[in-house]
Amino acid sequence: FGAAIGFELVGVCALMFARHFIEPGKLHPRIRATIPAVAV
């Protein structure tokens, strides 16, 4: 179970990290707004 869900959790956390880490104005607003939905 851990191996099956682990890779997806990496993708979720990587997306949310990028959302808060990439500088303001350096990512299209619609892309930044869509990140939580893709992570879910």
Full PDB file with SEQRES, HELIX, SHEET, SSBOND, CRYST1, ORIGX, SCALE, CONECT and MASTER records, all heavy atoms in Angstrom:
SEQRES   1 A   40  PHE GLY ALA ALA ILE GLY PHE GLU LEU VAL GLY VAL CYS          
SEQRES   2 A   40  ALA LEU MET PHE ALA ARG HIS PHE ILE GLU PRO GLY LYS          
SEQRES   3 A   40  LEU HIS PRO ARG ILE ARG ALA THR ILE PRO ALA VAL ALA          
SEQRES   4 A   40  VAL                                                          
HELIX    1 AA1 GLY A    2  PHE A   21  1                                  20    
HELIX    2 AA2 PRO A   29  ALA A   39  1                                  11    
CRYST1    1.000    1.000    1.000  90.00  90.00  90.00 P 1           1          
ORIGX1      1.000000  0.000000  0.000000        0.00000                         
ORIGX2      0.000000  1.000000  0.000000        0.00000                         
ORIGX3      0.000000  0.000000  1.000000        0.00000                         
SCALE1      1.000000  0.000000  0.000000        0.00000                         
SCALE2      0.000000  1.000000  0.000000        0.00000                         
SCALE3      0.000000  0.000000  1.000000        0.00000                         
ATOM      1  N   PHE A   1       0.833  -1.201   0.000  1.00  0.00           N  
ATOM      2  CA  PHE A   1       0.000   0.000   0.000  1.00  0.00           C  
ATOM      3  C   PHE A   1       0.870   1.254   0.000  1.00  0.00           C  
ATOM      4  O   PHE A   1       0.613   2.213  -0.736  1.00  0.00           O  
ATOM      5  CB  PHE A   1      -0.922   0.000   1.215  1.00  0.00           C  
ATOM      6  CG  PHE A   1      -1.719   1.265   1.378  1.00  0.00           C  
ATOM      7  CD1 PHE A   1      -2.882   1.471   0.667  1.00  0.00           C  
ATOM      8  CD2 PHE A   1      -1.284   2.263   2.242  1.00  0.00           C  
ATOM      9  CE1 PHE A   1      -3.608   2.639   0.812  1.00  0.00           C  
ATOM     10  CE2 PHE A   1      -1.998   3.436   2.387  1.00  0.00           C  
ATOM     11  CZ  PHE A   1      -3.173   3.624   1.670  1.00  0.00           C  
ATOM     12  N   GLY A   2       1.921   1.271   0.851  1.00  0.00           N  
ATOM     13  CA  GLY A   2       2.810   2.433   0.899  1.00  0.00           C  
ATOM     14  C   GLY A   2       3.500   2.684  -0.424  1.00  0.00           C  
ATOM     15  O   GLY A   2       3.636   3.831  -0.858  1.00  0.00           O  
ATOM     16  N   ALA A   3       3.937   1.608  -1.077  1.00  0.00           N  
ATOM     17  CA  ALA A   3       4.593   1.773  -2.373  1.00  0.00           C  
ATOM     18  C   ALA A   3       3.611   2.244  -3.429  1.00  0.00           C  
ATOM     19  O   ALA A   3       3.963   3.030  -4.318  1.00  0.00           O  
ATOM     20  CB  ALA A   3       5.229   0.444  -2.805  1.00  0.00           C  
ATOM     21  N   ALA A   4       2.336   1.768  -3.340  1.00  0.00           N  
ATOM     22  CA  ALA A   4       1.331   2.154  -4.335  1.00  0.00           C  
ATOM     23  C   ALA A   4       0.938   3.617  -4.212  1.00  0.00           C  
ATOM     24  O   ALA A   4       0.759   4.315  -5.215  1.00  0.00           O  
ATOM     25  CB  ALA A   4       0.099   1.260  -4.201  1.00  0.00           C  
ATOM     26  N   ILE A   5       0.824   4.116  -2.961  1.00  0.00           N  
ATOM     27  CA  ILE A   5       0.366   5.494  -2.768  1.00  0.00           C  
ATOM     28  C   ILE A   5       1.522   6.477  -2.708  1.00  0.00           C  
ATOM     29  O   ILE A   5       1.353   7.687  -2.931  1.00  0.00           O  
ATOM     30  CB  ILE A   5      -0.468   5.597  -1.467  1.00  0.00           C  
ATOM     31  CG1 ILE A   5      -1.246   6.922  -1.403  1.00  0.00           C  
ATOM     32  CG2 ILE A   5       0.430   5.456  -0.250  1.00  0.00           C  
ATOM     33  CD1 ILE A   5      -2.288   7.073  -2.475  1.00  0.00           C  
ATOM     34  N   GLY A   6       2.743   5.975  -2.423  1.00  0.00           N  
ATOM     35  CA  GLY A   6       3.881   6.873  -2.217  1.00  0.00           C  
ATOM     36  C   GLY A   6       4.218   7.726  -3.414  1.00  0.00           C  
ATOM     37  O   GLY A   6       4.465   8.938  -3.288  1.00  0.00           O  
ATOM     38  N   PHE A   7       4.227   7.130  -4.607  1.00  0.00           N  
ATOM     39  CA  PHE A   7       4.597   7.889  -5.795  1.00  0.00           C  
ATOM     40  C   PHE A   7       3.605   9.010  -6.065  1.00  0.00           C  
ATOM     41  O   PHE A   7       3.986  10.122  -6.460  1.00  0.00           O  
ATOM     42  CB  PHE A   7       4.681   6.952  -6.998  1.00  0.00           C  
ATOM     43  CG  PHE A   7       5.383   7.551  -8.173  1.00  0.00           C  
ATOM     44  CD1 PHE A   7       6.758   7.590  -8.229  1.00  0.00           C  
ATOM     45  CD2 PHE A   7       4.665   8.093  -9.234  1.00  0.00           C  
ATOM     46  CE1 PHE A   7       7.420   8.160  -9.309  1.00  0.00           C  
ATOM     47  CE2 PHE A   7       5.308   8.660 -10.317  1.00  0.00           C  
ATOM     48  CZ  PHE A   7       6.694   8.695 -10.358  1.00  0.00           C  
ATOM     49  N   GLU A   8       2.308   8.739  -5.835  1.00  0.00           N  
ATOM     50  CA  GLU A   8       1.290   9.774  -6.041  1.00  0.00           C  
ATOM     51  C   GLU A   8       1.424  10.890  -5.001  1.00  0.00           C  
ATOM     52  O   GLU A   8       1.216  12.069  -5.298  1.00  0.00           O  
ATOM     53  CB  GLU A   8      -0.107   9.162  -5.990  1.00  0.00           C  
ATOM     54  CG  GLU A   8      -0.515   8.437  -7.262  1.00  0.00           C  
ATOM     55  CD  GLU A   8       0.321   7.193  -7.513  1.00  0.00           C  
ATOM     56  OE1 GLU A   8       0.676   6.499  -6.534  1.00  0.00           O  
ATOM     57  OE2 GLU A   8       0.633   6.914  -8.688  1.00  0.00           O  
ATOM     58  N   LEU A   9       1.771  10.515  -3.760  1.00  0.00           N  
ATOM     59  CA  LEU A   9       1.971  11.536  -2.730  1.00  0.00           C  
ATOM     60  C   LEU A   9       3.145  12.445  -3.083  1.00  0.00           C  
ATOM     61  O   LEU A   9       3.120  13.650  -2.797  1.00  0.00           O  
ATOM     62  CB  LEU A   9       2.218  10.871  -1.371  1.00  0.00           C  
ATOM     63  CG  LEU A   9       1.011  10.214  -0.709  1.00  0.00           C  
ATOM     64  CD1 LEU A   9       1.418   9.565   0.600  1.00  0.00           C  
ATOM     65  CD2 LEU A   9      -0.092  11.228  -0.470  1.00  0.00           C  
ATOM     66  N   VAL A  10       4.166  11.882  -3.698  1.00  0.00           N  
ATOM     67  CA  VAL A  10       5.294  12.700  -4.155  1.00  0.00           C  
ATOM     68  C   VAL A  10       4.804  13.743  -5.158  1.00  0.00           C  
ATOM     69  O   VAL A  10       5.174  14.923  -5.092  1.00  0.00           O  
ATOM     70  CB  VAL A  10       6.396  11.817  -4.775  1.00  0.00           C  
ATOM     71  CG1 VAL A  10       7.446  12.679  -5.479  1.00  0.00           C  
ATOM     72  CG2 VAL A  10       7.054  10.967  -3.708  1.00  0.00           C  
ATOM     73  N   GLY A  11       3.943  13.319  -6.091  1.00  0.00           N  
ATOM     74  CA  GLY A  11       3.401  14.262  -7.073  1.00  0.00           C  
ATOM     75  C   GLY A  11       2.553  15.340  -6.433  1.00  0.00           C  
ATOM     76  O   GLY A  11       2.644  16.522  -6.784  1.00  0.00           O  
ATOM     77  N   VAL A  12       1.711  14.951  -5.453  1.00  0.00           N  
ATOM     78  CA  VAL A  12       0.848  15.929  -4.768  1.00  0.00           C  
ATOM     79  C   VAL A  12       1.696  16.973  -4.048  1.00  0.00           C  
ATOM     80  O   VAL A  12       1.482  18.191  -4.188  1.00  0.00           O  
ATOM     81  CB  VAL A  12      -0.080  15.208  -3.772  1.00  0.00           C  
ATOM     82  CG1 VAL A  12      -0.813  16.227  -2.890  1.00  0.00           C  
ATOM     83  CG2 VAL A  12      -1.102  14.355  -4.524  1.00  0.00           C  
ATOM     84  N   CYS A  13       2.660  16.518  -3.254  1.00  0.00           N  
ATOM     85  CA  CYS A  13       3.476  17.438  -2.465  1.00  0.00           C  
ATOM     86  C   CYS A  13       4.386  18.288  -3.357  1.00  0.00           C  
ATOM     87  O   CYS A  13       4.633  19.464  -3.053  1.00  0.00           O  
ATOM     88  CB  CYS A  13       4.311  16.659  -1.453  1.00  0.00           C  
ATOM     89  SG  CYS A  13       3.328  15.790  -0.217  1.00  0.00           S  
ATOM     90  N   ALA A  14       4.879  17.704  -4.456  1.00  0.00           N  
ATOM     91  CA  ALA A  14       5.723  18.476  -5.366  1.00  0.00           C  
ATOM     92  C   ALA A  14       4.932  19.619  -5.992  1.00  0.00           C  
ATOM     93  O   ALA A  14       5.430  20.741  -6.136  1.00  0.00           O  
ATOM     94  CB  ALA A  14       6.298  17.566  -6.449  1.00  0.00           C  
ATOM     95  N   LEU A  15       3.680  19.357  -6.360  1.00  0.00           N  
ATOM     96  CA  LEU A  15       2.842  20.407  -6.947  1.00  0.00           C  
ATOM     97  C   LEU A  15       2.565  21.517  -5.935  1.00  0.00           C  
ATOM     98  O   LEU A  15       2.682  22.711  -6.250  1.00  0.00           O  
ATOM     99  CB  LEU A  15       1.529  19.809  -7.437  1.00  0.00           C  
ATOM    100  CG  LEU A  15       1.549  19.129  -8.806  1.00  0.00           C  
ATOM    101  CD1 LEU A  15       0.221  18.444  -9.077  1.00  0.00           C  
ATOM    102  CD2 LEU A  15       1.845  20.141  -9.909  1.00  0.00           C  
ATOM    103  N   MET A  16       2.186  21.150  -4.711  1.00  0.00           N  
ATOM    104  CA  MET A  16       1.866  22.165  -3.706  1.00  0.00           C  
ATOM    105  C   MET A  16       3.118  22.934  -3.282  1.00  0.00           C  
ATOM    106  O   MET A  16       3.047  24.130  -2.984  1.00  0.00           O  
ATOM    107  CB  MET A  16       1.213  21.501  -2.495  1.00  0.00           C  
ATOM    108  CG  MET A  16      -0.134  20.861  -2.808  1.00  0.00           C  
ATOM    109  SD  MET A  16      -1.320  22.024  -3.536  1.00  0.00           S  
ATOM    110  CE  MET A  16      -1.516  23.202  -2.201  1.00  0.00           C  
ATOM    111  N   PHE A  17       4.244  22.260  -3.259  1.00  0.00           N  
ATOM    112  CA  PHE A  17       5.503  22.954  -2.973  1.00  0.00           C  
ATOM    113  C   PHE A  17       5.791  23.999  -4.050  1.00  0.00           C  
ATOM    114  O   PHE A  17       6.161  25.140  -3.745  1.00  0.00           O  
ATOM    115  CB  PHE A  17       6.637  21.942  -2.888  1.00  0.00           C  
ATOM    116  CG  PHE A  17       8.008  22.560  -2.808  1.00  0.00           C  
ATOM    117  CD1 PHE A  17       8.433  23.211  -1.668  1.00  0.00           C  
ATOM    118  CD2 PHE A  17       8.870  22.502  -3.892  1.00  0.00           C  
ATOM    119  CE1 PHE A  17       9.698  23.786  -1.597  1.00  0.00           C  
ATOM    120  CE2 PHE A  17      10.128  23.066  -3.838  1.00  0.00           C  
ATOM    121  CZ  PHE A  17      10.538  23.704  -2.684  1.00  0.00           C  
ATOM    122  N   ALA A  18       5.606  23.612  -5.306  1.00  0.00           N  
ATOM    123  CA  ALA A  18       5.841  24.545  -6.410  1.00  0.00           C  
ATOM    124  C   ALA A  18       4.884  25.722  -6.335  1.00  0.00           C  
ATOM    125  O   ALA A  18       5.262  26.862  -6.619  1.00  0.00           O  
ATOM    126  CB  ALA A  18       5.696  23.820  -7.743  1.00  0.00           C  
ATOM    127  N   ARG A  19       3.643  25.482  -5.947  1.00  0.00           N  
ATOM    128  CA  ARG A  19       2.639  26.569  -5.872  1.00  0.00           C  
ATOM    129  C   ARG A  19       3.078  27.655  -4.897  1.00  0.00           C  
ATOM    130  O   ARG A  19       2.894  28.852  -5.152  1.00  0.00           O  
ATOM    131  CB  ARG A  19       1.294  25.998  -5.448  1.00  0.00           C  
ATOM    132  CG  ARG A  19       0.170  27.035  -5.370  1.00  0.00           C  
ATOM    133  CD  ARG A  19      -1.160  26.362  -5.075  1.00  0.00           C  
ATOM    134  NE  ARG A  19      -2.260  27.309  -5.173  1.00  0.00           N  
ATOM    135  CZ  ARG A  19      -2.784  27.951  -4.133  1.00  0.00           C  
ATOM    136  NH1 ARG A  19      -2.296  27.728  -2.911  1.00  0.00           N  
ATOM    137  NH2 ARG A  19      -3.780  28.803  -4.295  1.00  0.00           N  
ATOM    138  N   HIS A  20       3.645  27.250  -3.771  1.00  0.00           N  
ATOM    139  CA  HIS A  20       4.035  28.232  -2.752  1.00  0.00           C  
ATOM    140  C   HIS A  20       5.479  28.690  -2.905  1.00  0.00           C  
ATOM    141  O   HIS A  20       5.865  29.690  -2.293  1.00  0.00           O  
ATOM    142  CB  HIS A  20       3.839  27.635  -1.356  1.00  0.00           C  
ATOM    143  CG  HIS A  20       2.409  27.356  -1.009  1.00  0.00           C  
ATOM    144  ND1 HIS A  20       1.524  28.347  -0.644  1.00  0.00           N  
ATOM    145  CD2 HIS A  20       1.700  26.198  -1.006  1.00  0.00           C  
ATOM    146  CE1 HIS A  20       0.346  27.817  -0.400  1.00  0.00           C  
ATOM    147  NE2 HIS A  20       0.412  26.516  -0.619  1.00  0.00           N  
ATOM    148  N   PHE A  21       6.257  27.959  -3.707  1.00  0.00           N  
ATOM    149  CA  PHE A  21       7.680  28.271  -3.788  1.00  0.00           C  
ATOM    150  C   PHE A  21       8.035  29.143  -4.983  1.00  0.00           C  
ATOM    151  O   PHE A  21       8.903  30.022  -4.873  1.00  0.00           O  
ATOM    152  CB  PHE A  21       8.477  26.962  -3.858  1.00  0.00           C  
ATOM    153  CG  PHE A  21       9.961  27.168  -3.761  1.00  0.00           C  
ATOM    154  CD1 PHE A  21      10.533  27.632  -2.598  1.00  0.00           C  
ATOM    155  CD2 PHE A  21      10.790  26.897  -4.841  1.00  0.00           C  
ATOM    156  CE1 PHE A  21      11.902  27.822  -2.507  1.00  0.00           C  
ATOM    157  CE2 PHE A  21      12.154  27.088  -4.758  1.00  0.00           C  
ATOM    158  CZ  PHE A  21      12.710  27.546  -3.582  1.00  0.00           C  
ATOM    159  N   ILE A  22       7.390  28.911  -6.127  1.00  0.00           N  
ATOM    160  CA  ILE A  22       7.689  29.716  -7.318  1.00  0.00           C  
ATOM    161  C   ILE A  22       7.273  31.162  -7.049  1.00  0.00           C  
ATOM    162  O   ILE A  22       6.188  31.439  -6.545  1.00  0.00           O  
ATOM    163  CB  ILE A  22       6.983  29.142  -8.555  1.00  0.00           C  
ATOM    164  CG1 ILE A  22       7.563  27.762  -8.882  1.00  0.00           C  
ATOM    165  CG2 ILE A  22       7.140  30.072  -9.753  1.00  0.00           C  
ATOM    166  CD1 ILE A  22       6.900  27.077 -10.050  1.00  0.00           C  
ATOM    167  N   GLU A  23       8.127  32.089  -7.414  1.00  0.00           N  
ATOM    168  CA  GLU A  23       7.948  33.490  -7.068  1.00  0.00           C  
ATOM    169  C   GLU A  23       6.647  34.067  -7.641  1.00  0.00           C  
ATOM    170  O   GLU A  23       6.192  33.642  -8.703  1.00  0.00           O  
ATOM    171  CB  GLU A  23       9.129  34.320  -7.587  1.00  0.00           C  
ATOM    172  CG  GLU A  23      10.486  33.796  -7.174  1.00  0.00           C  
ATOM    173  CD  GLU A  23      11.081  32.828  -8.168  1.00  0.00           C  
ATOM    174  OE1 GLU A  23      10.297  32.125  -8.854  1.00  0.00           O  
ATOM    175  OE2 GLU A  23      12.310  32.776  -8.271  1.00  0.00           O  
ATOM    176  N   PRO A  24       6.038  35.039  -6.947  1.00  0.00           N  
ATOM    177  CA  PRO A  24       4.859  35.722  -7.498  1.00  0.00           C  
ATOM    178  C   PRO A  24       5.198  36.367  -8.843  1.00  0.00           C  
ATOM    179  O   PRO A  24       6.255  36.965  -9.014  1.00  0.00           O  
ATOM    180  CB  PRO A  24       4.539  36.775  -6.434  1.00  0.00           C  
ATOM    181  CG  PRO A  24       5.137  36.243  -5.171  1.00  0.00           C  
ATOM    182  CD  PRO A  24       6.368  35.497  -5.590  1.00  0.00           C  
ATOM    183  N   GLY A  25       4.276  36.223  -9.797  1.00  0.00           N  
ATOM    184  CA  GLY A  25       4.480  36.792 -11.116  1.00  0.00           C  
ATOM    185  C   GLY A  25       5.297  35.924 -12.043  1.00  0.00           C  
ATOM    186  O   GLY A  25       5.439  36.249 -13.225  1.00  0.00           O  
ATOM    187  N   LYS A  26       5.854  34.820 -11.541  1.00  0.00           N  
ATOM    188  CA  LYS A  26       6.671  33.939 -12.363  1.00  0.00           C  
ATOM    189  C   LYS A  26       5.917  32.683 -12.803  1.00  0.00           C  
ATOM    190  O   LYS A  26       6.507  31.771 -13.361  1.00  0.00           O  
ATOM    191  CB  LYS A  26       7.935  33.518 -11.601  1.00  0.00           C  
ATOM    192  CG  LYS A  26       8.828  34.678 -11.189  1.00  0.00           C  
ATOM    193  CD  LYS A  26       9.367  35.429 -12.403  1.00  0.00           C  
ATOM    194  CE  LYS A  26      10.343  36.528 -11.986  1.00  0.00           C  
ATOM    195  NZ  LYS A  26      10.875  37.265 -13.157  1.00  0.00           N  
ATOM    196  N   LEU A  27       4.622  32.637 -12.553  1.00  0.00           N  
ATOM    197  CA  LEU A  27       3.781  31.519 -12.964  1.00  0.00           C  
ATOM    198  C   LEU A  27       2.421  32.072 -13.324  1.00  0.00           C  
ATOM    199  O   LEU A  27       1.888  32.940 -12.613  1.00  0.00           O  
ATOM    200  CB  LEU A  27       3.656  30.490 -11.836  1.00  0.00           C  
ATOM    201  CG  LEU A  27       2.926  29.182 -12.159  1.00  0.00           C  
ATOM    202  CD1 LEU A  27       3.672  28.404 -13.230  1.00  0.00           C  
ATOM    203  CD2 LEU A  27       2.767  28.338 -10.898  1.00  0.00           C  
ATOM    204  N   HIS A  28       1.862  31.615 -14.449  1.00  0.00           N  
ATOM    205  CA  HIS A  28       0.567  32.125 -14.897  1.00  0.00           C  
ATOM    206  C   HIS A  28      -0.463  31.944 -13.782  1.00  0.00           C  
ATOM    207  O   HIS A  28      -0.550  30.865 -13.174  1.00  0.00           O  
ATOM    208  CB  HIS A  28       0.114  31.395 -16.159  1.00  0.00           C  
ATOM    209  CG  HIS A  28      -1.010  32.076 -16.872  1.00  0.00           C  
ATOM    210  ND1 HIS A  28      -2.310  32.024 -16.410  1.00  0.00           N  
ATOM    211  CD2 HIS A  28      -1.026  32.842 -17.990  1.00  0.00           C  
ATOM    212  CE1 HIS A  28      -3.087  32.711 -17.227  1.00  0.00           C  
ATOM    213  NE2 HIS A  28      -2.334  33.219 -18.186  1.00  0.00           N  
ATOM    214  N   PRO A  29      -1.268  32.972 -13.489  1.00  0.00           N  
ATOM    215  CA  PRO A  29      -2.235  32.874 -12.379  1.00  0.00           C  
ATOM    216  C   PRO A  29      -3.184  31.695 -12.504  1.00  0.00           C  
ATOM    217  O   PRO A  29      -3.540  31.063 -11.502  1.00  0.00           O  
ATOM    218  CB  PRO A  29      -2.979  34.210 -12.450  1.00  0.00           C  
ATOM    219  CG  PRO A  29      -2.035  35.148 -13.129  1.00  0.00           C  
ATOM    220  CD  PRO A  29      -1.261  34.314 -14.104  1.00  0.00           C  
ATOM    221  N   ARG A  30      -3.623  31.380 -13.722  1.00  0.00           N  
ATOM    222  CA  ARG A  30      -4.551  30.255 -13.875  1.00  0.00           C  
ATOM    223  C   ARG A  30      -3.864  28.927 -13.568  1.00  0.00           C  
ATOM    224  O   ARG A  30      -4.486  28.014 -13.000  1.00  0.00           O  
ATOM    225  CB  ARG A  30      -5.109  30.247 -15.293  1.00  0.00           C  
ATOM    226  CG  ARG A  30      -6.054  31.415 -15.584  1.00  0.00           C  
ATOM    227  CD  ARG A  30      -6.663  31.289 -16.976  1.00  0.00           C  
ATOM    228  NE  ARG A  30      -7.567  32.401 -17.254  1.00  0.00           N  
ATOM    229  CZ  ARG A  30      -8.209  32.566 -18.400  1.00  0.00           C  
ATOM    230  NH1 ARG A  30      -8.041  31.674 -19.386  1.00  0.00           N  
ATOM    231  NH2 ARG A  30      -9.005  33.598 -18.567  1.00  0.00           N  
ATOM    232  N   ILE A  31      -2.602  28.818 -13.945  1.00  0.00           N  
ATOM    233  CA  ILE A  31      -1.872  27.592 -13.630  1.00  0.00           C  
ATOM    234  C   ILE A  31      -1.705  27.456 -12.125  1.00  0.00           C  
ATOM    235  O   ILE A  31      -1.924  26.385 -11.542  1.00  0.00           O  
ATOM    236  CB  ILE A  31      -0.499  27.587 -14.334  1.00  0.00           C  
ATOM    237  CG1 ILE A  31      -0.677  27.537 -15.848  1.00  0.00           C  
ATOM    238  CG2 ILE A  31       0.344  26.406 -13.858  1.00  0.00           C  
ATOM    239  CD1 ILE A  31       0.626  27.556 -16.626  1.00  0.00           C  
ATOM    240  N   ARG A  32      -1.339  28.560 -11.461  1.00  0.00           N  
ATOM    241  CA  ARG A  32      -1.173  28.508 -10.004  1.00  0.00           C  
ATOM    242  C   ARG A  32      -2.491  28.170  -9.320  1.00  0.00           C  
ATOM    243  O   ARG A  32      -2.513  27.407  -8.342  1.00  0.00           O  
ATOM    244  CB  ARG A  32      -0.632  29.848  -9.490  1.00  0.00           C  
ATOM    245  CG  ARG A  32      -0.088  29.777  -8.060  1.00  0.00           C  
ATOM    246  CD  ARG A  32       0.329  31.159  -7.581  1.00  0.00           C  
ATOM    247  NE  ARG A  32       1.436  31.701  -8.341  1.00  0.00           N  
ATOM    248  CZ  ARG A  32       2.713  31.514  -8.028  1.00  0.00           C  
ATOM    249  NH1 ARG A  32       3.038  30.766  -6.993  1.00  0.00           N  
ATOM    250  NH2 ARG A  32       3.666  32.064  -8.758  1.00  0.00           N  
ATOM    251  N   ALA A  33      -3.581  28.723  -9.824  1.00  0.00           N  
ATOM    252  CA  ALA A  33      -4.890  28.457  -9.217  1.00  0.00           C  
ATOM    253  C   ALA A  33      -5.349  27.023  -9.455  1.00  0.00           C  
ATOM    254  O   ALA A  33      -6.147  26.481  -8.680  1.00  0.00           O  
ATOM    255  CB  ALA A  33      -5.921  29.442  -9.770  1.00  0.00           C  
ATOM    256  N   THR A  34      -4.875  26.389 -10.518  1.00  0.00           N  
ATOM    257  CA  THR A  34      -5.312  25.032 -10.864  1.00  0.00           C  
ATOM    258  C   THR A  34      -4.529  23.966 -10.107  1.00  0.00           C  
ATOM    259  O   THR A  34      -4.963  22.813 -10.022  1.00  0.00           O  
ATOM    260  CB  THR A  34      -5.157  24.802 -12.385  1.00  0.00           C  
ATOM    261  OG1 THR A  34      -5.820  25.864 -13.094  1.00  0.00           O  
ATOM    262  CG2 THR A  34      -5.778  23.484 -12.817  1.00  0.00           C  
ATOM    263  N   ILE A  35      -3.389  24.325  -9.537  1.00  0.00           N  
ATOM    264  CA  ILE A  35      -2.529  23.335  -8.880  1.00  0.00           C  
ATOM    265  C   ILE A  35      -3.261  22.543  -7.802  1.00  0.00           C  
ATOM    266  O   ILE A  35      -3.163  21.305  -7.767  1.00  0.00           O  
ATOM    267  CB  ILE A  35      -1.265  24.018  -8.313  1.00  0.00           C  
ATOM    268  CG1 ILE A  35      -0.332  24.429  -9.463  1.00  0.00           C  
ATOM    269  CG2 ILE A  35      -0.532  23.095  -7.346  1.00  0.00           C  
ATOM    270  CD1 ILE A  35       0.915  25.165  -9.009  1.00  0.00           C  
ATOM    271  N   PRO A  36      -4.024  23.166  -6.868  1.00  0.00           N  
ATOM    272  CA  PRO A  36      -4.701  22.352  -5.838  1.00  0.00           C  
ATOM    273  C   PRO A  36      -5.659  21.325  -6.428  1.00  0.00           C  
ATOM    274  O   PRO A  36      -5.737  20.196  -5.920  1.00  0.00           O  
ATOM    275  CB  PRO A  36      -5.443  23.402  -5.002  1.00  0.00           C  
ATOM    276  CG  PRO A  36      -4.679  24.663  -5.201  1.00  0.00           C  
ATOM    277  CD  PRO A  36      -4.203  24.616  -6.619  1.00  0.00           C  
ATOM    278  N   ALA A  37      -6.377  21.686  -7.487  1.00  0.00           N  
ATOM    279  CA  ALA A  37      -7.315  20.740  -8.093  1.00  0.00           C  
ATOM    280  C   ALA A  37      -6.580  19.544  -8.690  1.00  0.00           C  
ATOM    281  O   ALA A  37      -7.010  18.388  -8.547  1.00  0.00           O  
ATOM    282  CB  ALA A  37      -8.145  21.447  -9.162  1.00  0.00           C  
ATOM    283  N   VAL A  38      -5.452  19.800  -9.360  1.00  0.00           N  
ATOM    284  CA  VAL A  38      -4.678  18.700  -9.936  1.00  0.00           C  
ATOM    285  C   VAL A  38      -4.089  17.831  -8.827  1.00  0.00           C  
ATOM    286  O   VAL A  38      -4.046  16.598  -8.946  1.00  0.00           O  
ATOM    287  CB  VAL A  38      -3.560  19.256 -10.845  1.00  0.00           C  
ATOM    288  CG1 VAL A  38      -2.694  18.126 -11.394  1.00  0.00           C  
ATOM    289  CG2 VAL A  38      -4.158  20.058 -11.990  1.00  0.00           C  
ATOM    290  N   ALA A  39      -3.649  18.461  -7.741  1.00  0.00           N  
ATOM    291  CA  ALA A  39      -3.106  17.688  -6.623  1.00  0.00           C  
ATOM    292  C   ALA A  39      -4.171  16.776  -6.016  1.00  0.00           C  
ATOM    293  O   ALA A  39      -3.895  15.611  -5.693  1.00  0.00           O  
ATOM    294  CB  ALA A  39      -2.545  18.636  -5.558  1.00  0.00           C  
ATOM    295  N   VAL A  40      -5.387  17.293  -5.867  1.00  0.00           N  
ATOM    296  CA  VAL A  40      -6.489  16.473  -5.345  1.00  0.00           C  
ATOM    297  C   VAL A  40      -6.794  15.326  -6.312  1.00  0.00           C  
ATOM    298  O   VAL A  40      -7.047  14.189  -5.896  1.00  0.00           O  
ATOM    299  CB  VAL A  40      -7.740  17.340  -5.108  1.00  0.00           C  
ATOM    300  CG1 VAL A  40      -8.947  16.470  -4.790  1.00  0.00           C  
ATOM    301  CG2 VAL A  40      -7.485  18.319  -3.969  1.00  0.00           C  
TER     302      VAL A  40                                                      
MASTER        0    0    0    2    0    0    0    6  301    1    0    4          
END                                                                             
